Amino acid sequence: MKIIGIISLYNPVSEYCRNIQKVSTMVDLLILIDDSEKCHREIIEKVLYDNVKYIWNGKNYGLSKSINRGITIALENGAEWIFVMDQDSYPENDIIAIYSEYIKNNLNKDIALIAPQYNYDRRKRKAKEGTKNIKFANLSGSLINVEALNEIGLYNERFVIDGLDVEWCLRARKKEYRLVECCKAVLHHCPGETRYLSICGKHVWGYGFSTPDRHYYQIKAALEINSTYKDFRNIIMLVAKIMKALLLYENRPLYIDMTKKAFCDYKKHQDI
């Protein structure tokens, strides 16, 4: 079984070499796709082993387009399963070996991808036995079944940075594929800055903070997904993100403007 990995890079720092090195020991070939405006080969030179291929796009094409380029290269190199990870994620155990063991012991024709548990500061997780079917999986840490990918298709390049994994999972489920979480596999994940709601100086609730630009992409992606799938969870997430920005973020007028811009740009696209 040939497993090829893809890590998307954007202005990488030397600390990410540890993540690259760890994944390189788990896969047959690791493809690094750099979307930065500047080539960062010198930063990651020390982890460019024989099975690591570095590709600099020369500009920021967006996450979905870069991942699709990596997938195309993986397919050209005979991948049977494709592992995708963010540059700032880190496998807390040998998740590829855990995935491989599951694949060896189960029928996989109806499985689109296998995902880990995601461990981060506001959502602590520990390895445990068992698996379960899930509705969605983050892009980072997912192992994609190439047989299923051939039917489901690549990631939708209309989603620049947010929503591409949600849309792909919905598309997979629509074609009656399953998404499986291996609870023993744990990925340290960095979904965004954590801020806290405090009462009397005590943190009572941690929440993810988005910059105005990221908020725009999140809202626009949720609108586009809802126009196709009418997914209830996606609608709840859309409302929650808007309310979070209005109630918890500073500079609320700017977030209101970015929300309006997302709605307007979505409508323009629908009218084309």
Protein backbone atom coordinates (compact mmCIF):
# COMPACT_ATOMS: atom_id res chain seq x y z
CA MET A 1 0.00 0.00 0.00
CA LYS A 2 1.60 3.23 -1.16
CA ILE A 3 0.94 6.30 0.99
CA ILE A 4 2.05 9.73 -0.21
CA GLY A 5 1.88 12.80 1.99
CA ILE A 6 1.20 16.46 1.19
CA ILE A 7 2.02 19.39 3.46
CA SER A 8 0.91 22.87 2.43
CA LEU A 9 3.38 25.63 3.27
CA TYR A 10 2.90 29.38 3.57
CA ASN A 11 5.76 31.52 4.91
CA PRO A 12 7.11 28.51 6.88
CA VAL A 13 9.43 28.97 9.85
CA SER A 14 12.23 26.66 10.99
CA GLU A 15 10.05 25.26 13.81
CA TYR A 16 7.92 23.51 11.19
CA CYS A 17 10.89 21.32 10.15
CA ARG A 18 10.07 19.04 13.07
CA ASN A 19 6.58 18.45 11.65
CA ILE A 20 7.94 17.77 8.16
CA GLN A 21 10.60 15.40 9.50
CA LYS A 22 8.03 13.43 11.51
CA VAL A 23 5.70 12.92 8.54
CA SER A 24 8.58 12.06 6.19
CA THR A 25 9.31 8.96 8.28
CA MET A 26 5.71 7.76 7.96
CA VAL A 27 5.06 8.01 4.20
CA ASP A 28 6.63 6.72 1.00
CA LEU A 29 6.89 10.19 -0.51
CA LEU A 30 6.22 13.62 1.01
CA ILE A 31 5.29 16.55 -1.24
CA LEU A 32 5.74 20.09 0.14
CA ILE A 33 3.69 22.70 -1.73
CA ASP A 34 4.82 26.26 -0.91
CA ASP A 35 2.30 29.00 -1.65
CA SER A 36 4.53 31.80 -0.36
CA GLU A 37 5.50 34.77 -2.51
CA LYS A 38 9.15 34.01 -1.61
CA CYS A 39 10.89 30.63 -1.97
CA HIS A 40 11.66 29.12 1.45
CA ARG A 41 13.79 26.20 0.36
CA GLU A 42 16.71 27.34 2.55
CA ILE A 43 14.55 27.18 5.69
CA ILE A 44 13.55 23.56 5.16
CA GLU A 45 16.75 22.40 3.43
CA LYS A 46 17.73 20.17 6.34
CA VAL A 47 14.55 18.05 6.00
CA LEU A 48 14.66 17.63 2.22
CA TYR A 49 15.42 13.93 2.40
CA ASP A 50 15.38 11.59 -0.58
CA ASN A 51 11.64 11.00 -0.14
CA VAL A 52 10.75 14.71 0.29
CA LYS A 53 9.89 16.83 -2.76
CA TYR A 54 9.68 20.64 -2.44
CA ILE A 55 7.59 22.67 -4.92
CA TRP A 56 7.36 26.45 -4.83
CA ASN A 57 4.31 27.81 -6.64
CA GLY A 58 5.79 31.31 -6.97
CA LYS A 59 2.57 32.92 -5.73
CA ASN A 60 -0.34 32.22 -3.40
CA TYR A 61 -2.84 30.22 -5.44
CA GLY A 62 -4.97 29.37 -2.41
CA LEU A 63 -5.06 26.23 -0.31
CA SER A 64 -7.46 24.17 -2.43
CA LYS A 65 -5.56 24.73 -5.67
CA SER A 66 -2.22 23.92 -4.02
CA ILE A 67 -3.55 20.75 -2.39
CA ASN A 68 -5.02 19.68 -5.73
CA ARG A 69 -1.61 20.17 -7.35
CA GLY A 70 -0.09 17.98 -4.66
CA ILE A 71 -2.77 15.33 -5.17
CA THR A 72 -2.12 15.30 -8.93
CA ILE A 73 1.60 14.70 -8.31
CA ALA A 74 0.77 12.01 -5.75
CA LEU A 75 -1.46 10.22 -8.26
CA GLU A 76 1.29 10.42 -10.91
CA ASN A 77 3.56 8.67 -8.40
CA GLY A 78 1.14 5.81 -7.80
CA ALA A 79 -0.46 6.83 -4.52
CA GLU A 80 -3.14 4.51 -3.15
CA TRP A 81 -3.82 6.68 -0.11
CA ILE A 82 -2.93 10.38 0.30
CA PHE A 83 -2.15 11.99 3.65
CA VAL A 84 -2.67 15.77 3.96
CA MET A 85 -1.41 17.97 6.79
CA ASP A 86 -1.02 21.66 7.65
CA GLN A 87 2.49 22.99 8.23
CA ASP A 88 1.78 23.75 11.91
CA SER A 89 0.14 20.42 12.76
CA TYR A 90 2.10 17.68 14.50
CA PRO A 91 1.27 13.96 14.82
CA GLU A 92 1.34 13.08 18.51
CA ASN A 93 1.78 9.39 17.65
CA ASP A 94 2.37 7.30 14.52
CA ILE A 95 -1.00 8.07 13.00
CA ILE A 96 -0.09 6.59 9.62
CA ALA A 97 0.72 3.22 11.22
CA ILE A 98 -2.61 3.41 13.10
CA TYR A 99 -4.46 4.19 9.87
CA SER A 100 -2.63 1.39 8.04
CA GLU A 101 -3.59 -1.12 10.70
CA TYR A 102 -7.23 -0.10 10.37
CA ILE A 103 -7.09 -0.38 6.56
CA LYS A 104 -5.51 -3.84 6.79
CA ASN A 105 -8.26 -5.14 9.06
CA ASN A 106 -11.34 -3.59 7.43
CA LEU A 107 -13.16 -3.38 4.13
CA ASN A 108 -12.47 0.07 2.73
CA LYS A 109 -14.44 0.40 -0.50
CA ASP A 110 -16.99 2.78 1.10
CA ILE A 111 -14.44 4.84 3.06
CA ALA A 112 -13.54 8.26 1.67
CA LEU A 113 -11.04 9.21 4.34
CA ILE A 114 -9.69 8.34 7.75
CA ALA A 115 -9.16 11.11 10.31
CA PRO A 116 -7.50 11.47 13.73
CA GLN A 117 -8.69 13.07 16.92
CA TYR A 118 -7.71 16.75 16.97
CA ASN A 119 -5.99 17.98 20.11
CA TYR A 120 -5.64 21.71 20.76
CA ASP A 121 -5.70 24.12 23.66
CA ARG A 122 -9.46 24.61 23.89
CA ARG A 123 -10.34 21.01 22.99
CA LYS A 124 -8.03 18.51 24.67
CA ARG A 125 -8.00 14.95 23.33
CA LYS A 126 -6.07 11.79 24.23
CA ALA A 127 -5.53 8.58 22.30
CA LYS A 128 -8.04 5.82 22.98
CA GLU A 129 -9.15 2.62 21.35
CA GLY A 130 -11.94 2.41 18.81
CA THR A 131 -13.25 4.06 15.67
CA LYS A 132 -16.41 5.92 14.76
CA ASN A 133 -18.15 7.31 11.72
CA ILE A 134 -18.06 11.11 11.57
CA LYS A 135 -19.80 13.71 9.43
CA PHE A 136 -16.84 16.01 8.84
CA ALA A 137 -13.05 15.95 9.13
CA ASN A 138 -10.50 18.71 8.95
CA LEU A 139 -8.20 18.68 5.96
CA SER A 140 -5.13 18.41 8.18
CA GLY A 141 -4.43 14.87 9.34
CA SER A 142 -6.78 13.19 6.87
CA LEU A 143 -5.82 10.09 4.90
CA ILE A 144 -7.72 10.04 1.61
CA ASN A 145 -8.68 6.85 -0.21
CA VAL A 146 -7.62 7.28 -3.85
CA GLU A 147 -10.31 4.89 -5.10
CA ALA A 148 -12.95 7.09 -3.48
CA LEU A 149 -11.20 10.28 -4.62
CA ASN A 150 -11.50 9.17 -8.22
CA GLU A 151 -15.29 9.22 -7.87
CA ILE A 152 -15.67 12.15 -5.45
CA GLY A 153 -13.24 14.44 -7.26
CA LEU A 154 -10.61 16.95 -6.18
CA TYR A 155 -11.16 19.83 -3.77
CA ASN A 156 -13.35 22.65 -5.07
CA GLU A 157 -11.03 25.52 -5.99
CA ARG A 158 -13.71 28.13 -5.36
CA PHE A 159 -12.81 27.71 -1.68
CA VAL A 160 -9.57 29.66 -1.26
CA ILE A 161 -8.74 28.70 2.33
CA ASP A 162 -11.89 27.86 4.31
CA GLY A 163 -14.66 25.40 3.56
CA LEU A 164 -12.82 23.12 1.11
CA ASP A 165 -12.73 20.22 3.60
CA VAL A 166 -16.37 20.68 4.66
CA GLU A 167 -17.57 20.78 1.03
CA TRP A 168 -15.51 17.70 0.10
CA CYS A 169 -16.89 15.73 3.07
CA LEU A 170 -20.45 16.67 2.13
CA ARG A 171 -19.78 15.60 -1.45
CA ALA A 172 -18.33 12.30 -0.24
CA ARG A 173 -21.33 11.58 1.99
CA LYS A 174 -23.70 12.48 -0.83
CA LYS A 175 -22.05 9.70 -2.83
CA GLU A 176 -22.59 7.39 0.19
CA TYR A 177 -18.99 7.23 1.33
CA ARG A 178 -18.07 7.08 5.01
CA LEU A 179 -15.63 9.23 6.99
CA VAL A 180 -13.94 7.31 9.80
CA GLU A 181 -12.17 8.65 12.88
CA CYS A 182 -9.46 6.44 14.38
CA CYS A 183 -9.60 7.47 18.02
CA LYS A 184 -6.11 6.12 18.71
CA ALA A 185 -4.57 8.59 16.22
CA VAL A 186 -4.06 12.08 17.66
CA LEU A 187 -2.96 15.20 15.78
CA HIS A 188 -1.86 18.37 17.53
CA HIS A 189 -3.81 20.94 15.56
CA CYS A 190 -3.69 24.75 15.39
CA PRO A 191 -7.08 25.91 14.08
CA GLY A 192 -6.49 29.53 15.10
CA GLU A 193 -5.78 31.87 17.96
CA THR A 194 -7.69 31.09 21.15
CA ARG A 195 -9.22 33.93 23.12
CA TYR A 196 -11.15 33.68 26.35
CA LEU A 197 -14.35 35.06 27.77
CA SER A 198 -13.55 35.98 31.36
CA ILE A 199 -15.73 36.70 34.36
CA CYS A 200 -14.14 38.26 37.45
CA GLY A 201 -10.71 37.61 35.97
CA LYS A 202 -11.38 33.89 35.46
CA HIS A 203 -11.45 32.25 32.01
CA VAL A 204 -14.86 30.63 31.56
CA TRP A 205 -14.91 29.87 27.84
CA GLY A 206 -12.28 29.63 25.10
CA TYR A 207 -13.18 30.44 21.52
CA GLY A 208 -11.40 30.67 18.18
CA PHE A 209 -10.56 34.16 16.95
CA SER A 210 -10.50 35.04 13.24
CA THR A 211 -8.91 38.04 11.60
CA PRO A 212 -11.26 40.20 9.49
CA ASP A 213 -9.94 38.66 6.26
CA ARG A 214 -10.33 35.12 7.59
CA HIS A 215 -13.83 35.96 8.84
CA TYR A 216 -14.73 37.06 5.31
CA TYR A 217 -13.56 33.77 3.78
CA GLN A 218 -15.33 31.72 6.46
CA ILE A 219 -18.67 33.47 5.91
CA LYS A 220 -18.42 33.35 2.11
CA ALA A 221 -17.51 29.66 2.18
CA ALA A 222 -20.43 28.83 4.48
CA LEU A 223 -22.83 30.66 2.15
CA GLU A 224 -21.55 28.79 -0.90
CA ILE A 225 -21.76 25.43 0.86
CA ASN A 226 -25.30 26.13 2.01
CA SER A 227 -26.39 27.06 -1.52
CA THR A 228 -25.47 23.56 -2.70
CA TYR A 229 -26.10 21.25 0.25
CA LYS A 230 -28.57 22.96 2.63
CA ASP A 231 -26.67 21.38 5.50
CA PHE A 232 -28.17 22.25 8.91
CA ARG A 233 -24.82 22.09 10.73
CA ASN A 234 -23.32 24.50 8.22
CA ILE A 235 -26.20 26.95 8.74
CA ILE A 236 -25.67 26.84 12.52
CA MET A 237 -21.94 27.45 12.06
CA LEU A 238 -22.63 30.41 9.78
CA VAL A 239 -24.92 32.04 12.34
CA ALA A 240 -22.51 31.23 15.18
CA LYS A 241 -19.54 32.83 13.42
CA ILE A 242 -21.47 36.01 12.70
CA MET A 243 -22.79 36.25 16.27
CA LYS A 244 -19.35 35.53 17.74
CA ALA A 245 -17.84 38.40 15.75
CA LEU A 246 -20.62 40.78 16.76
CA LEU A 247 -20.60 39.89 20.45
CA LEU A 248 -16.99 39.04 21.25
CA TYR A 249 -14.63 40.72 18.79
CA GLU A 250 -13.21 44.21 18.98
CA ASN A 251 -13.64 46.57 16.00
CA ARG A 252 -17.13 45.24 15.33
CA PRO A 253 -17.88 47.75 12.53
CA LEU A 254 -15.03 46.20 10.50
CA TYR A 255 -16.42 42.68 11.01
CA ILE A 256 -19.88 43.89 10.03
CA ASP A 257 -18.37 45.30 6.83
CA MET A 258 -16.53 42.04 6.10
CA THR A 259 -19.73 40.06 6.70
CA LYS A 260 -21.59 42.32 4.27
CA LYS A 261 -18.79 41.95 1.74
CA ALA A 262 -18.97 38.15 2.01
CA PHE A 263 -22.73 38.21 1.35
CA CYS A 264 -22.31 40.64 -1.58
CA ASP A 265 -19.47 38.69 -3.20
CA TYR A 266 -21.37 35.44 -2.75
CA LYS A 267 -24.44 36.99 -4.43
CA LYS A 268 -22.33 38.30 -7.33
CA HIS A 269 -20.95 34.82 -7.91
CA GLN A 270 -24.45 33.33 -7.86
CA ASP A 271 -25.59 35.87 -10.47
CA ILE A 272 -22.82 34.99 -12.94
